[in-house]
Amino acid sequence: MKPFSWIFASLSIFAIGVQAAPVSIYDDLVARVPNLQLSLAEFKEYWPGDGKLKSWHFGLVAHAPGAIPPATADNRRFPLFHWFINTQNGQCRMLFGQDPVWTNMRTIKVTATLLAAGGEADDDAMKQAVSGIFQQVSSHISPNLFNNCLDNAVLGMRRLRMAGYIREEELEPFMVYWRRMHEVVHQVTDPWTFKDCGFITRRELVDSILEGRAPKCEGKGSKAATPAGKPNLKKPVVRAAKPQAGKGKAVKHPGQQGKQPGKQGPKGKQGRK
């Protein structure tokens, strides 16, 4: 090959290499675009032998689309955003926390796709933004009315909608599920929550257990949020809640009394929903 021909050939190859470089950079940027969903998950545990309900908890599982295994497949580990009871400092509150959870589609009820409303570049940034919004959701627990883990999970999704992180049409299935379930969850789990917070007597608690109305719902990170066969998290979970009979009215929407999910949330003894 002549010297000049070799030089031109080399320059041509170099030019092709320079033109190809942006393609790999672009592919890298595409890979970093947020691709995250939140799914409302329900965790139940039953006592061996009689099969009675032992614990009942709700939380929001963060995952990529299609990443949660089918109901018949082995569980996988995902981040769980949830609310739990905190009885520290002489108060009884529902506070927000994040823990790992092992699960599959068996626990999933409804799902929404997150939008990068704040210009988040990747999934980690999206999780941080979502967590920041959820941390603003908390609630005091009273013997008349309060938000439990289900109430606060749906309230958290409403806050995401207000901030532009989910679409209105994707929020509605969460509201539909909440309207169908929140009263029974309160009825079933409130007695233990009230006991944890010192709102009912031992006699009333024993009566509720004998009547089969009060399955134990642990605090943050307990079996209530860990499907059978997987290691327990080391924090209690929250208990769902509806005012006891004769005390107030059932909430119409999570959070606000008679309105959409209001401003309220768990940690402490980390006891029950």
Protein backbone atom coordinates (compact mmCIF):
# COMPACT_ATOMS: atom_id res chain seq x y z
CA MET A 1 0.00 0.00 0.00
CA LYS A 2 1.28 3.46 -0.87
CA PRO A 3 2.14 5.76 2.06
CA PHE A 4 -0.61 8.26 1.26
CA SER A 5 -3.22 5.51 0.80
CA TRP A 6 -2.30 4.09 4.23
CA ILE A 7 -2.65 7.52 5.84
CA PHE A 8 -6.09 8.11 4.31
CA ALA A 9 -7.24 4.65 5.33
CA SER A 10 -6.09 5.26 8.90
CA LEU A 11 -7.88 8.61 9.05
CA SER A 12 -11.06 7.01 7.71
CA ILE A 13 -10.99 4.34 10.44
CA PHE A 14 -10.34 6.99 13.08
CA ALA A 15 -13.29 9.04 11.82
CA ILE A 16 -15.57 6.03 12.00
CA GLY A 17 -14.44 5.41 15.57
CA VAL A 18 -15.13 9.00 16.53
CA GLN A 19 -18.62 8.85 15.02
CA ALA A 20 -19.38 5.58 16.82
CA ALA A 21 -18.49 6.93 20.27
CA PRO A 22 -21.74 8.88 20.87
CA VAL A 23 -23.74 5.69 20.27
CA SER A 24 -22.26 3.94 23.33
CA ILE A 25 -22.67 7.10 25.41
CA TYR A 26 -26.29 7.38 24.33
CA ASP A 27 -26.91 3.73 25.20
CA ASP A 28 -25.52 4.40 28.68
CA LEU A 29 -27.87 7.34 29.15
CA VAL A 30 -30.83 5.23 28.08
CA ALA A 31 -29.88 2.58 30.63
CA ARG A 32 -29.95 5.21 33.38
CA VAL A 33 -33.45 6.50 32.70
CA PRO A 34 -35.77 5.72 35.68
CA ASN A 35 -37.85 2.63 35.14
CA LEU A 36 -39.60 2.04 38.44
CA GLN A 37 -43.03 1.02 39.71
CA LEU A 38 -44.72 0.95 43.12
CA SER A 39 -47.11 -1.87 44.01
CA LEU A 40 -49.41 -2.08 47.01
CA ALA A 41 -48.64 -5.40 48.73
CA GLU A 42 -50.63 -7.22 51.40
CA PHE A 43 -48.83 -9.55 53.81
CA LYS A 44 -50.75 -12.03 55.96
CA GLU A 45 -49.51 -14.65 58.41
CA TYR A 46 -51.59 -17.39 60.01
CA TRP A 47 -51.17 -19.35 63.21
CA PRO A 48 -50.18 -23.00 62.63
CA GLY A 49 -52.81 -25.51 63.58
CA ASP A 50 -56.04 -23.53 63.69
CA GLY A 51 -55.11 -21.33 60.71
CA LYS A 52 -56.33 -18.13 62.36
CA LEU A 53 -54.95 -14.83 61.19
CA LYS A 54 -51.82 -13.86 63.14
CA SER A 55 -50.64 -10.72 61.37
CA TRP A 56 -51.77 -8.35 58.62
CA HIS A 57 -49.63 -5.65 57.03
CA PHE A 58 -49.54 -3.42 53.94
CA GLY A 59 -46.71 -1.60 52.20
CA LEU A 60 -45.48 -0.33 48.83
CA VAL A 61 -42.96 -2.50 46.97
CA ALA A 62 -40.55 -0.70 44.60
CA HIS A 63 -39.58 -2.70 41.51
CA ALA A 64 -38.84 -2.57 37.79
CA PRO A 65 -41.76 -3.42 35.48
CA GLY A 66 -42.16 -7.20 35.29
CA ALA A 67 -39.51 -7.84 37.95
CA ILE A 68 -41.79 -9.38 40.58
CA PRO A 69 -41.94 -13.17 40.12
CA PRO A 70 -45.27 -14.95 39.45
CA ALA A 71 -47.33 -16.10 42.43
CA THR A 72 -46.10 -19.68 42.02
CA ALA A 73 -42.41 -18.74 41.71
CA ASP A 74 -39.80 -18.23 44.42
CA ASN A 75 -39.83 -14.92 46.26
CA ARG A 76 -37.36 -12.17 45.39
CA ARG A 77 -36.05 -9.33 47.51
CA PHE A 78 -37.33 -5.78 46.94
CA PRO A 79 -37.40 -2.46 48.83
CA LEU A 80 -40.57 -2.02 50.91
CA PHE A 81 -41.89 1.44 51.83
CA HIS A 82 -44.26 1.08 54.80
CA TRP A 83 -45.62 2.64 58.00
CA PHE A 84 -45.33 1.13 61.48
CA ILE A 85 -46.18 1.85 65.13
CA ASN A 86 -43.74 3.88 67.20
CA THR A 87 -44.38 4.19 70.94
CA GLN A 88 -41.14 5.91 71.90
CA ASN A 89 -40.92 9.23 73.75
CA GLY A 90 -44.29 8.71 75.42
CA GLN A 91 -46.17 9.02 72.13
CA CYS A 92 -47.97 6.55 69.91
CA ARG A 93 -47.54 7.33 66.22
CA MET A 94 -47.47 5.77 62.79
CA LEU A 95 -44.11 6.54 61.14
CA PHE A 96 -42.56 5.80 57.77
CA GLY A 97 -39.68 3.41 57.14
CA GLN A 98 -37.98 1.41 54.39
CA ASP A 99 -36.95 -2.25 54.67
CA PRO A 100 -36.19 -5.17 52.35
CA VAL A 101 -38.94 -7.72 51.79
CA TRP A 102 -39.10 -11.08 50.03
CA THR A 103 -42.21 -11.47 47.90
CA ASN A 104 -43.84 -12.44 44.60
CA MET A 105 -47.08 -11.55 42.79
CA ARG A 106 -49.12 -13.39 45.40
CA THR A 107 -49.03 -10.30 47.62
CA ILE A 108 -49.50 -7.62 44.93
CA LYS A 109 -52.86 -5.83 44.69
CA VAL A 110 -52.39 -2.76 42.46
CA THR A 111 -49.45 -1.12 40.66
CA ALA A 112 -48.48 2.34 39.37
CA THR A 113 -45.57 3.48 37.20
CA LEU A 114 -43.49 6.34 38.58
CA LEU A 115 -42.77 9.48 36.56
CA ALA A 116 -39.55 11.49 36.93
CA ALA A 117 -41.41 14.62 38.02
CA GLY A 118 -38.26 16.11 39.52
CA GLY A 119 -35.99 15.21 36.62
CA GLU A 120 -34.56 12.16 38.41
CA ALA A 121 -31.82 10.51 36.33
CA ASP A 122 -32.08 6.95 37.62
CA ASP A 123 -33.97 4.56 39.90
CA ASP A 124 -31.92 5.42 42.97
CA ALA A 125 -32.73 9.11 42.61
CA MET A 126 -36.38 8.21 42.10
CA LYS A 127 -36.44 6.13 45.28
CA GLN A 128 -34.92 8.99 47.23
CA ALA A 129 -37.52 11.43 45.91
CA VAL A 130 -40.37 9.07 46.74
CA SER A 131 -38.99 8.35 50.20
CA GLY A 132 -38.75 12.09 50.88
CA ILE A 133 -42.45 12.51 50.11
CA PHE A 134 -43.44 9.46 52.17
CA GLN A 135 -41.51 10.72 55.19
CA GLN A 136 -43.96 13.60 55.37
CA VAL A 137 -46.81 11.13 55.96
CA SER A 138 -47.25 10.25 59.63
CA SER A 139 -50.11 10.15 62.11
CA HIS A 140 -50.90 10.17 65.80
CA ILE A 141 -52.80 7.13 67.03
CA SER A 142 -55.89 7.82 69.12
CA PRO A 143 -58.58 5.46 70.47
CA ASN A 144 -61.13 7.12 68.19
CA LEU A 145 -59.58 7.40 64.76
CA PHE A 146 -56.16 7.11 63.11
CA ASN A 147 -54.39 6.12 59.91
CA ASN A 148 -52.93 2.64 59.77
CA CYS A 149 -50.42 1.09 57.36
CA LEU A 150 -52.99 0.70 54.58
CA ASP A 151 -54.35 4.22 55.05
CA ASN A 152 -50.89 5.75 54.96
CA ALA A 153 -49.74 3.71 51.96
CA VAL A 154 -52.66 5.03 49.90
CA LEU A 155 -52.19 8.51 51.33
CA GLY A 156 -48.56 8.31 50.24
CA MET A 157 -49.67 7.46 46.71
CA ARG A 158 -52.01 10.46 46.75
CA ARG A 159 -49.08 12.65 47.76
CA LEU A 160 -47.09 11.26 44.83
CA ARG A 161 -49.95 12.15 42.51
CA MET A 162 -50.05 15.70 43.87
CA ALA A 163 -46.31 16.00 43.24
CA GLY A 164 -46.65 14.65 39.69
CA TYR A 165 -44.92 11.31 40.25
CA ILE A 166 -47.90 9.20 39.14
CA ARG A 167 -50.88 9.79 36.84
CA GLU A 168 -54.41 10.25 38.14
CA GLU A 169 -55.66 7.15 36.33
CA GLU A 170 -53.01 5.04 38.06
CA LEU A 171 -53.94 6.39 41.49
CA GLU A 172 -57.60 5.41 41.15
CA PRO A 173 -57.07 1.60 41.50
CA PHE A 174 -55.33 2.28 44.83
CA MET A 175 -58.35 4.31 45.97
CA VAL A 176 -60.75 1.60 44.84
CA TYR A 177 -58.86 -1.05 46.80
CA TRP A 178 -58.70 1.20 49.86
CA ARG A 179 -62.44 1.91 49.81
CA ARG A 180 -63.13 -1.82 49.67
CA MET A 181 -60.69 -2.89 52.39
CA HIS A 182 -59.97 -0.16 54.94
CA GLU A 183 -62.94 -0.75 57.26
CA VAL A 184 -62.41 -4.47 57.66
CA VAL A 185 -58.67 -3.99 58.19
CA HIS A 186 -59.39 -1.49 60.95
CA GLN A 187 -62.00 -3.74 62.55
CA VAL A 188 -59.70 -6.75 62.59
CA THR A 189 -56.44 -5.14 63.72
CA ASP A 190 -57.36 -2.11 65.85
CA PRO A 191 -57.64 -3.98 69.18
CA TRP A 192 -53.93 -4.89 69.15
CA THR A 193 -52.94 -1.40 68.07
CA PHE A 194 -54.91 0.11 70.92
CA LYS A 195 -53.34 -2.39 73.31
CA ASP A 196 -49.84 -1.42 72.15
CA CYS A 197 -50.66 2.21 72.76
CA GLY A 198 -52.33 1.55 76.13
CA PHE A 199 -55.81 2.57 75.02
CA ILE A 200 -57.66 -0.57 76.12
CA THR A 201 -57.64 -2.75 79.22
CA ARG A 202 -56.27 -6.28 79.39
CA ARG A 203 -59.79 -7.60 79.88
CA GLU A 204 -61.01 -5.93 76.72
CA LEU A 205 -58.03 -7.34 74.84
CA VAL A 206 -58.67 -10.88 76.08
CA ASP A 207 -62.33 -10.60 75.11
CA SER A 208 -61.43 -9.46 71.61
CA ILE A 209 -58.98 -12.36 71.20
CA LEU A 210 -61.53 -14.93 72.41
CA GLU A 211 -64.02 -13.53 69.94
CA GLY A 212 -61.47 -13.95 67.16
CA ARG A 213 -61.36 -10.25 66.36
CA ALA A 214 -57.74 -9.41 67.04
CA PRO A 215 -54.99 -11.18 65.13
CA LYS A 216 -51.57 -9.95 66.08
CA CYS A 217 -50.04 -7.59 63.54
CA GLU A 218 -46.40 -7.03 64.40
CA GLY A 219 -44.47 -3.82 64.19
CA LYS A 220 -41.95 -2.71 61.59
CA GLY A 221 -40.02 -5.47 59.86
CA SER A 222 -41.80 -8.38 61.52
CA LYS A 223 -43.20 -11.51 59.96
CA ALA A 224 -46.24 -9.45 59.07
CA ALA A 225 -44.14 -8.00 56.30
CA THR A 226 -42.14 -11.13 55.54
CA PRO A 227 -43.69 -14.00 53.52
CA ALA A 228 -43.30 -17.45 55.08
CA GLY A 229 -40.02 -19.20 54.52
CA LYS A 230 -37.88 -16.04 54.49
CA PRO A 231 -35.82 -14.46 57.25
CA ASN A 232 -37.70 -12.01 59.43
CA LEU A 233 -36.80 -8.35 59.39
CA LYS A 234 -35.75 -7.04 62.78
CA LYS A 235 -38.37 -4.35 63.16
CA PRO A 236 -42.13 -4.56 63.93
CA VAL A 237 -44.86 -3.77 61.39
CA VAL A 238 -47.90 -1.59 61.55
CA ARG A 239 -51.46 -2.46 62.20
CA ALA A 240 -54.37 -1.25 60.13
CA ALA A 241 -57.07 0.67 61.90
CA LYS A 242 -60.73 1.52 62.17
CA PRO A 243 -62.33 3.16 65.21
CA GLN A 244 -63.81 0.67 67.65
CA ALA A 245 -67.52 0.21 67.74
CA GLY A 246 -69.28 3.19 69.23
CA LYS A 247 -66.24 5.46 68.91
CA GLY A 248 -66.34 7.84 66.00
CA LYS A 249 -67.02 7.02 62.38
CA ALA A 250 -65.03 5.01 59.89
CA VAL A 251 -62.68 7.08 57.76
CA LYS A 252 -64.00 7.67 54.28
CA HIS A 253 -60.53 7.97 52.79
CA PRO A 254 -57.09 7.18 54.17
CA GLY A 255 -55.88 10.00 56.36
CA GLN A 256 -58.69 12.48 56.67
CA GLN A 257 -61.85 11.74 58.55
CA GLY A 258 -64.55 11.38 55.93
CA LYS A 259 -62.24 12.65 53.17
CA GLN A 260 -59.50 11.39 50.88
CA PRO A 261 -56.42 9.88 52.61
CA GLY A 262 -55.44 12.60 55.01
CA LYS A 263 -52.29 13.74 56.70
CA GLN A 264 -51.30 11.04 59.01
CA GLY A 265 -48.45 7.47 59.78
CA PRO A 266 -45.35 4.32 62.18
CA LYS A 267 -42.00 3.04 64.70
CA GLY A 268 -41.48 2.50 68.47
CA LYS A 269 -42.44 -0.68 70.00
CA GLN A 270 -43.02 -1.27 66.42
CA GLY A 271 -45.93 -3.37 67.14
CA ARG A 272 -48.90 -3.66 64.90
CA LYS A 273 -50.87 -2.05 62.13
